[in-house]
Amino acid sequence: MSRMGDTIRSNRLKYKLTEKQLAKKTGLAESFIKEVESGRRIPSDDQVKRLLKACGVTESMSTEIDTFNAVEEKPRPRPRPYIIPVEKPSSPEKVSEQDEESSAAWLDALGGVVKRVPILDENGLVIDHMLFPVVGGKIEGGTPDKVTLFRVPDGSLSGFQVRAGDLFLCVPEKTPVDDAFMLVHYGGKRLVRRIKKLDSSHLMLQSYDRELRIDSMLWGEIQLLARCVRLIRSL
């Protein structure tokens, strides 16, 4: 039985009317009223008003009809309780070993896709690593095992929009590349300078802090290590 049919039936019985008597009062068929009360038929709004009025309901008929027509929403099921498992390590040393083994296995599995590239400081010491994609067996055109990153130690290139802490991705190169930034070994340290070829025996190294500085020297006075192919800015 529907809510509408139940309301019509309860009001009909309240006023002691039979289905036949209600049918005569409303002009509707007795069989139609029985089907409405049983929930097998849905009457129109006008028919509902006639049935309710004949049953003695004269107030708030529109509200009653809106209630009948409202879609009954089923209550949402309560979520099942669950517990998030928490793993308690036996010791910090064990966790560290597990992390290292997991990281190594992950890098081995992705060896042909990514490469862990070392980050070097001006003294040539490895201070960190960064992952780079390997495309066609190369990283920016260089052999993955030979590619390095150089961390700019100071503001000697700030005039070129290169700040301290920025990283240069470096591909090995032993010959000078005109107008390129190159990683060189000079004065016991690693430096990045913009290179200019003057002639067959002289090079010009450019730095730019507050003003452009040019150092001219023989090729034999410096060691060319790599060409800088990408700048990665620090945040």
Protein backbone atom coordinates (compact mmCIF):
# COMPACT_ATOMS: atom_id res chain seq x y z
CA MET A 1 0.00 0.00 0.00
CA SER A 2 1.24 3.49 -0.91
CA ARG A 3 1.22 6.51 1.40
CA MET A 4 -1.40 8.11 -0.81
CA GLY A 5 -3.62 5.04 -0.78
CA ASP A 6 -3.16 4.61 2.95
CA THR A 7 -4.21 8.24 3.62
CA ILE A 8 -7.30 7.98 1.42
CA ARG A 9 -8.32 4.69 3.02
CA SER A 10 -7.77 5.92 6.60
CA ASN A 11 -9.87 9.05 5.96
CA ARG A 12 -12.58 7.00 4.22
CA LEU A 13 -12.82 4.68 7.22
CA LYS A 14 -12.71 7.63 9.58
CA TYR A 15 -15.91 8.99 8.00
CA LYS A 16 -17.35 5.43 7.72
CA LEU A 17 -17.55 5.42 3.95
CA THR A 18 -17.39 2.34 1.75
CA GLU A 19 -15.49 2.28 -1.55
CA LYS A 20 -18.88 2.31 -3.30
CA GLN A 21 -20.11 5.38 -1.35
CA LEU A 22 -16.83 7.21 -2.01
CA ALA A 23 -17.13 6.36 -5.69
CA LYS A 24 -20.60 7.91 -5.84
CA LYS A 25 -19.41 11.09 -4.07
CA THR A 26 -16.43 11.57 -6.38
CA GLY A 27 -17.80 10.18 -9.63
CA LEU A 28 -14.91 7.73 -9.82
CA ALA A 29 -15.22 3.98 -10.33
CA GLU A 30 -15.28 1.78 -7.23
CA SER A 31 -12.60 -0.48 -8.77
CA PHE A 32 -10.38 2.57 -9.37
CA ILE A 33 -10.61 3.58 -5.68
CA LYS A 34 -9.73 0.04 -4.57
CA GLU A 35 -6.66 0.05 -6.81
CA VAL A 36 -5.60 3.48 -5.50
CA GLU A 37 -5.91 2.36 -1.89
CA SER A 38 -3.94 -0.82 -2.61
CA GLY A 39 -1.20 1.17 -4.33
CA ARG A 40 -1.73 -0.37 -7.76
CA ARG A 41 -2.92 2.89 -9.35
CA ILE A 42 -1.61 6.44 -9.04
CA PRO A 43 -4.36 9.07 -9.38
CA SER A 44 -3.88 12.53 -10.84
CA ASP A 45 -3.69 15.61 -8.63
CA ASP A 46 -7.31 16.49 -9.46
CA GLN A 47 -8.51 12.98 -8.55
CA VAL A 48 -6.58 13.13 -5.28
CA LYS A 49 -8.23 16.44 -4.38
CA ARG A 50 -11.67 14.99 -5.10
CA LEU A 51 -11.01 11.87 -3.01
CA LEU A 52 -9.57 13.82 -0.07
CA LYS A 53 -12.40 16.34 -0.12
CA ALA A 54 -14.99 13.58 -0.20
CA CYS A 55 -13.25 11.98 2.80
CA GLY A 56 -13.52 15.21 4.78
CA VAL A 57 -9.99 16.56 4.23
CA THR A 58 -10.48 20.22 3.32
CA GLU A 59 -7.26 21.82 4.58
CA SER A 60 -3.68 21.58 3.30
CA MET A 61 -4.68 19.35 0.36
CA SER A 62 -1.84 20.79 -1.75
CA THR A 63 0.65 19.89 0.97
CA GLU A 64 -0.75 16.38 1.15
CA ILE A 65 -0.41 15.98 -2.65
CA ASP A 66 3.18 17.29 -2.62
CA THR A 67 4.01 14.81 0.11
CA PHE A 68 2.54 11.97 -1.92
CA ASN A 69 4.47 12.97 -5.05
CA ALA A 70 7.78 13.38 -3.26
CA VAL A 71 10.32 10.73 -4.13
CA GLU A 72 11.06 8.58 -1.16
CA GLU A 73 14.80 8.49 -0.57
CA LYS A 74 16.24 5.37 0.94
CA PRO A 75 18.57 5.98 3.86
CA ARG A 76 22.24 5.61 3.01
CA PRO A 77 23.76 2.49 4.53
CA ARG A 78 26.08 3.06 7.44
CA PRO A 79 29.72 2.53 6.54
CA ARG A 80 31.32 -0.58 7.87
CA PRO A 81 33.97 0.10 10.48
CA TYR A 82 37.53 -0.70 9.55
CA ILE A 83 40.97 -0.40 11.08
CA ILE A 84 44.00 0.97 9.24
CA PRO A 85 46.86 -1.46 9.90
CA VAL A 86 49.96 0.02 11.46
CA GLU A 87 53.25 -1.77 11.10
CA LYS A 88 55.59 -1.39 14.03
CA PRO A 89 59.25 -1.80 13.03
CA SER A 90 61.45 -3.83 15.28
CA SER A 91 64.27 -1.28 15.15
CA PRO A 92 65.29 1.93 13.32
CA GLU A 93 68.30 0.11 11.86
CA LYS A 94 66.04 -2.48 10.28
CA VAL A 95 63.80 0.20 8.75
CA SER A 96 66.81 1.98 7.28
CA GLU A 97 68.11 -1.25 5.73
CA GLN A 98 64.70 -2.09 4.32
CA ASP A 99 64.34 1.39 2.83
CA GLU A 100 67.76 1.18 1.20
CA GLU A 101 67.07 -2.28 -0.21
CA SER A 102 63.66 -1.20 -1.51
CA SER A 103 65.12 1.95 -3.10
CA ALA A 104 67.93 0.00 -4.73
CA ALA A 105 65.53 -2.61 -6.11
CA TRP A 106 63.25 0.11 -7.43
CA LEU A 107 66.12 1.87 -9.21
CA ASP A 108 67.36 -1.42 -10.66
CA ALA A 109 63.89 -2.13 -12.05
CA LEU A 110 63.75 1.31 -13.65
CA GLY A 111 67.36 1.34 -14.75
CA GLY A 112 66.41 1.72 -18.41
CA VAL A 113 63.88 4.46 -17.70
CA VAL A 114 65.41 6.74 -15.06
CA LYS A 115 68.92 7.37 -13.77
CA ARG A 116 70.11 8.60 -10.39
CA VAL A 117 72.42 11.49 -11.37
CA PRO A 118 74.94 12.74 -8.77
CA ILE A 119 75.08 16.41 -7.76
CA LEU A 120 78.63 17.72 -7.33
CA ASP A 121 79.91 20.78 -5.49
CA GLU A 122 82.86 22.97 -6.49
CA ASN A 123 85.26 20.50 -4.88
CA GLY A 124 83.93 17.58 -6.93
CA LEU A 125 82.22 15.97 -3.92
CA VAL A 126 78.85 14.26 -4.37
CA ILE A 127 76.36 16.11 -2.17
CA ASP A 128 73.06 14.66 -3.42
CA HIS A 129 71.33 12.88 -6.30
CA MET A 130 68.45 13.61 -8.66
CA LEU A 131 66.44 11.28 -10.91
CA PHE A 132 66.40 11.96 -14.66
CA PRO A 133 64.57 10.15 -17.47
CA VAL A 134 66.64 8.08 -19.88
CA VAL A 135 65.40 8.59 -23.44
CA GLY A 136 66.86 6.45 -26.20
CA GLY A 137 69.64 5.34 -23.87
CA LYS A 138 70.69 8.98 -23.29
CA ILE A 139 70.15 11.84 -20.86
CA GLU A 140 70.11 15.09 -22.83
CA GLY A 141 72.37 13.46 -25.41
CA GLY A 142 74.90 12.18 -22.87
CA THR A 143 75.73 8.71 -21.64
CA PRO A 144 73.72 8.23 -18.40
CA ASP A 145 76.73 7.02 -16.38
CA LYS A 146 78.76 10.09 -17.41
CA VAL A 147 76.18 12.81 -16.87
CA THR A 148 76.46 14.88 -13.67
CA LEU A 149 74.87 17.88 -12.01
CA PHE A 150 76.87 20.85 -10.77
CA ARG A 151 75.58 23.04 -7.96
CA VAL A 152 76.43 26.71 -8.53
CA PRO A 153 78.24 27.80 -5.33
CA ASP A 154 78.01 31.59 -5.60
CA GLY A 155 76.63 34.58 -7.51
CA SER A 156 79.44 34.87 -10.03
CA LEU A 157 76.93 34.17 -12.84
CA SER A 158 74.04 36.24 -11.51
CA GLY A 159 74.33 38.66 -14.43
CA PHE A 160 73.44 35.70 -16.65
CA GLN A 161 70.35 34.98 -14.49
CA VAL A 162 72.09 32.07 -12.77
CA ARG A 163 71.84 32.14 -8.98
CA ALA A 164 73.71 30.37 -6.20
CA GLY A 165 72.10 26.99 -5.58
CA ASP A 166 70.98 26.51 -9.19
CA LEU A 167 71.96 23.25 -10.87
CA PHE A 168 73.59 22.73 -14.26
CA LEU A 169 73.09 19.39 -15.98
CA CYS A 170 76.50 18.62 -17.48
CA VAL A 171 77.43 16.33 -20.38
CA PRO A 172 81.15 15.46 -20.73
CA GLU A 173 82.96 17.65 -23.28
CA LYS A 174 86.72 18.10 -23.65
CA THR A 175 86.77 20.69 -26.44
CA PRO A 176 85.52 24.29 -26.09
CA VAL A 177 82.04 25.14 -27.38
CA ASP A 178 81.77 28.79 -28.34
CA ASP A 179 79.20 30.84 -26.34
CA ALA A 180 78.28 27.80 -24.21
CA PHE A 181 78.38 27.48 -20.44
CA MET A 182 80.99 24.87 -19.60
CA LEU A 183 82.17 23.19 -16.44
CA VAL A 184 85.93 23.74 -16.04
CA HIS A 185 88.56 22.86 -13.48
CA TYR A 186 90.64 25.93 -12.67
CA GLY A 187 92.52 27.08 -9.59
CA GLY A 188 91.87 23.83 -7.77
CA LYS A 189 88.06 24.17 -8.05
CA ARG A 190 85.25 23.39 -10.44
CA LEU A 191 83.61 26.45 -12.00
CA VAL A 192 81.02 27.16 -14.64
CA ARG A 193 81.95 29.88 -17.10
CA ARG A 194 80.72 31.02 -20.47
CA ILE A 195 83.37 30.16 -23.05
CA LYS A 196 84.62 32.24 -25.98
CA LYS A 197 87.26 30.95 -28.38
CA LEU A 198 89.79 33.68 -29.19
CA ASP A 199 92.15 31.66 -31.36
CA SER A 200 93.70 28.22 -31.61
CA SER A 201 95.48 28.55 -28.25
CA HIS A 202 93.53 31.10 -26.18
CA LEU A 203 90.14 30.97 -24.48
CA MET A 204 88.06 33.66 -22.84
CA LEU A 205 86.15 32.76 -19.67
CA GLN A 206 83.24 35.04 -18.81
CA SER A 207 81.63 35.53 -15.41
CA TYR A 208 79.10 38.21 -14.52
CA ASP A 209 78.33 39.31 -10.98
CA ARG A 210 77.89 43.08 -10.71
CA GLU A 211 79.79 43.56 -13.95
CA LEU A 212 81.08 41.38 -16.77
CA ARG A 213 84.46 39.84 -16.01
CA ILE A 214 86.66 38.32 -18.70
CA ASP A 215 89.65 36.06 -18.05
CA SER A 216 91.85 35.24 -21.04
CA MET A 217 94.10 32.18 -20.76
CA LEU A 218 95.80 29.41 -22.64
CA TRP A 219 93.94 26.17 -23.19
CA GLY A 220 96.55 24.31 -21.19
CA GLU A 221 95.91 26.45 -18.11
CA ILE A 222 92.42 25.04 -17.55
CA GLN A 223 90.74 21.65 -17.86
CA LEU A 224 87.45 21.48 -19.76
CA LEU A 225 85.16 18.94 -18.10
CA ALA A 226 81.65 19.22 -19.51
CA ARG A 227 79.13 21.30 -21.41
CA CYS A 228 76.14 22.61 -19.45
CA VAL A 229 73.01 21.56 -21.33
CA ARG A 230 70.28 22.49 -18.89
CA LEU A 231 69.76 24.92 -16.00
CA ILE A 232 67.58 23.80 -13.08
CA ARG A 233 66.67 26.75 -10.91
CA SER A 234 66.51 26.46 -7.14
CA LEU A 235 63.33 27.50 -5.35
